[in-house]
Amino acid sequence: MTIVAIIVCIAATAYMFNEFSKAKSDIEGIKGFCNKLVQAQQSPPPPPRQQVLQQEDDDDDEEPVPVNRVADSGDN
């Protein structure tokens, strides 16, 4: 009788393993389908913006202005 119980347990284990493998593949299929739905619902990425680089105006042609330091003098 013990041998019959062992054989039934091994058969039940093999059956459960096969069922869990099928369930795992079904769940992975559902996950893939859900990911496709989520990607379809997301808005497309915005187009890349073109950055316009502005060249700084060269102020080399201006003359330097002398600065009088009134606060540093001893007259104040």
C-alpha atoms as a PDB file:
ATOM      1  CA  MET A   1       0.000   0.000   0.000  1.00  0.00           C
ATOM      2  CA  THR A   2       2.902   2.359   0.726  1.00  0.00           C
ATOM      3  CA  ILE A   3       4.304   1.839  -2.762  1.00  0.00           C
ATOM      4  CA  VAL A   4       0.957   2.830  -4.302  1.00  0.00           C
ATOM      5  CA  ALA A   5       0.901   6.011  -2.182  1.00  0.00           C
ATOM      6  CA  ILE A   6       4.445   6.903  -3.302  1.00  0.00           C
ATOM      7  CA  ILE A   7       3.510   6.369  -6.969  1.00  0.00           C
ATOM      8  CA  VAL A   8       0.378   8.532  -6.550  1.00  0.00           C
ATOM      9  CA  CYS A   9       2.449  11.286  -4.881  1.00  0.00           C
ATOM     10  CA  ILE A  10       5.028  11.233  -7.700  1.00  0.00           C
ATOM     11  CA  ALA A  11       2.255  11.385 -10.319  1.00  0.00           C
ATOM     12  CA  ALA A  12       0.541  14.241  -8.471  1.00  0.00           C
ATOM     13  CA  THR A  13       3.860  16.100  -8.222  1.00  0.00           C
ATOM     14  CA  ALA A  14       4.489  15.719 -11.969  1.00  0.00           C
ATOM     15  CA  TYR A  15       0.925  16.857 -12.736  1.00  0.00           C
ATOM     16  CA  MET A  16       1.255  19.903 -10.442  1.00  0.00           C
ATOM     17  CA  PHE A  17       4.636  20.790 -12.003  1.00  0.00           C
ATOM     18  CA  ASN A  18       3.103  20.735 -15.491  1.00  0.00           C
ATOM     19  CA  GLU A  19       0.105  22.820 -14.392  1.00  0.00           C
ATOM     20  CA  PHE A  20       2.320  25.415 -12.690  1.00  0.00           C
ATOM     21  CA  SER A  21       4.499  25.633 -15.804  1.00  0.00           C
ATOM     22  CA  LYS A  22       1.410  26.311 -17.926  1.00  0.00           C
ATOM     23  CA  ALA A  23       0.163  28.892 -15.436  1.00  0.00           C
ATOM     24  CA  LYS A  24       3.562  30.602 -15.461  1.00  0.00           C
ATOM     25  CA  SER A  25       3.583  30.844 -19.254  1.00  0.00           C
ATOM     26  CA  ASP A  26      -0.005  32.176 -19.181  1.00  0.00           C
ATOM     27  CA  ILE A  27       0.948  34.838 -16.641  1.00  0.00           C
ATOM     28  CA  GLU A  28       3.999  35.861 -18.699  1.00  0.00           C
ATOM     29  CA  GLY A  29       1.745  36.175 -21.758  1.00  0.00           C
ATOM     30  CA  ILE A  30      -0.681  38.384 -19.834  1.00  0.00           C
ATOM     31  CA  LYS A  31       2.225  40.491 -18.569  1.00  0.00           C
ATOM     32  CA  GLY A  32       3.475  41.004 -22.125  1.00  0.00           C
ATOM     33  CA  PHE A  33      -0.006  41.958 -23.302  1.00  0.00           C
ATOM     34  CA  CYS A  34      -0.408  44.452 -20.444  1.00  0.00           C
ATOM     35  CA  ASN A  35       2.982  45.991 -21.225  1.00  0.00           C
ATOM     36  CA  LYS A  36       1.927  46.453 -24.857  1.00  0.00           C
ATOM     37  CA  LEU A  37      -1.279  48.162 -23.725  1.00  0.00           C
ATOM     38  CA  VAL A  38       0.599  50.484 -21.407  1.00  0.00           C
ATOM     39  CA  GLN A  39       3.080  51.429 -24.130  1.00  0.00           C
ATOM     40  CA  ALA A  40       0.215  52.121 -26.540  1.00  0.00           C
ATOM     41  CA  GLN A  41      -1.495  54.385 -23.990  1.00  0.00           C
ATOM     42  CA  GLN A  42       1.602  56.449 -23.287  1.00  0.00           C
ATOM     43  CA  SER A  43       2.023  59.576 -25.339  1.00  0.00           C
ATOM     44  CA  PRO A  44       4.884  59.516 -27.829  1.00  0.00           C
ATOM     45  CA  PRO A  45       8.055  61.229 -26.675  1.00  0.00           C
ATOM     46  CA  PRO A  46       8.248  64.893 -27.582  1.00  0.00           C
ATOM     47  CA  PRO A  47      10.341  65.719 -30.655  1.00  0.00           C
ATOM     48  CA  PRO A  48      13.883  66.756 -29.837  1.00  0.00           C
ATOM     49  CA  ARG A  49      14.239  70.485 -29.478  1.00  0.00           C
ATOM     50  CA  GLN A  50      16.815  72.293 -31.501  1.00  0.00           C
ATOM     51  CA  GLN A  51      18.958  74.511 -29.378  1.00  0.00           C
ATOM     52  CA  VAL A  52      19.965  77.739 -31.028  1.00  0.00           C
ATOM     53  CA  LEU A  53      23.318  78.899 -29.846  1.00  0.00           C
ATOM     54  CA  GLN A  54      23.584  82.655 -29.714  1.00  0.00           C
ATOM     55  CA  GLN A  55      26.988  84.097 -30.233  1.00  0.00           C
ATOM     56  CA  GLU A  56      27.972  86.689 -27.706  1.00  0.00           C
ATOM     57  CA  ASP A  57      28.577  90.152 -29.069  1.00  0.00           C
ATOM     58  CA  ASP A  58      32.209  91.062 -28.924  1.00  0.00           C
ATOM     59  CA  ASP A  59      32.636  94.358 -27.071  1.00  0.00           C
ATOM     60  CA  ASP A  60      36.305  94.680 -27.996  1.00  0.00           C
ATOM     61  CA  ASP A  61      35.738  97.849 -30.027  1.00  0.00           C
ATOM     62  CA  GLU A  62      34.548  99.850 -26.977  1.00  0.00           C
ATOM     63  CA  GLU A  63      36.978 102.070 -25.127  1.00  0.00           C
ATOM     64  CA  PRO A  64      37.642 101.467 -21.438  1.00  0.00           C
ATOM     65  CA  VAL A  65      36.143 104.092 -19.126  1.00  0.00           C
ATOM     66  CA  PRO A  66      38.347 105.348 -16.272  1.00  0.00           C
ATOM     67  CA  VAL A  67      36.814 104.982 -12.818  1.00  0.00           C
ATOM     68  CA  ASN A  68      37.491 107.624 -10.168  1.00  0.00           C
ATOM     69  CA  ARG A  69      37.461 106.187  -6.691  1.00  0.00           C
ATOM     70  CA  VAL A  70      35.995 108.946  -4.618  1.00  0.00           C
ATOM     71  CA  ALA A  71      35.430 106.819  -1.502  1.00  0.00           C
ATOM     72  CA  ASP A  72      39.115 105.900  -1.319  1.00  0.00           C
ATOM     73  CA  SER A  73      40.309 109.488  -1.200  1.00  0.00           C
ATOM     74  CA  GLY A  74      41.060 111.141   2.093  1.00  0.00           C
ATOM     75  CA  ASP A  75      38.787 114.137   1.372  1.00  0.00           C
ATOM     76  CA  ASN A  76      35.586 112.340   2.461  1.00  0.00           C
END
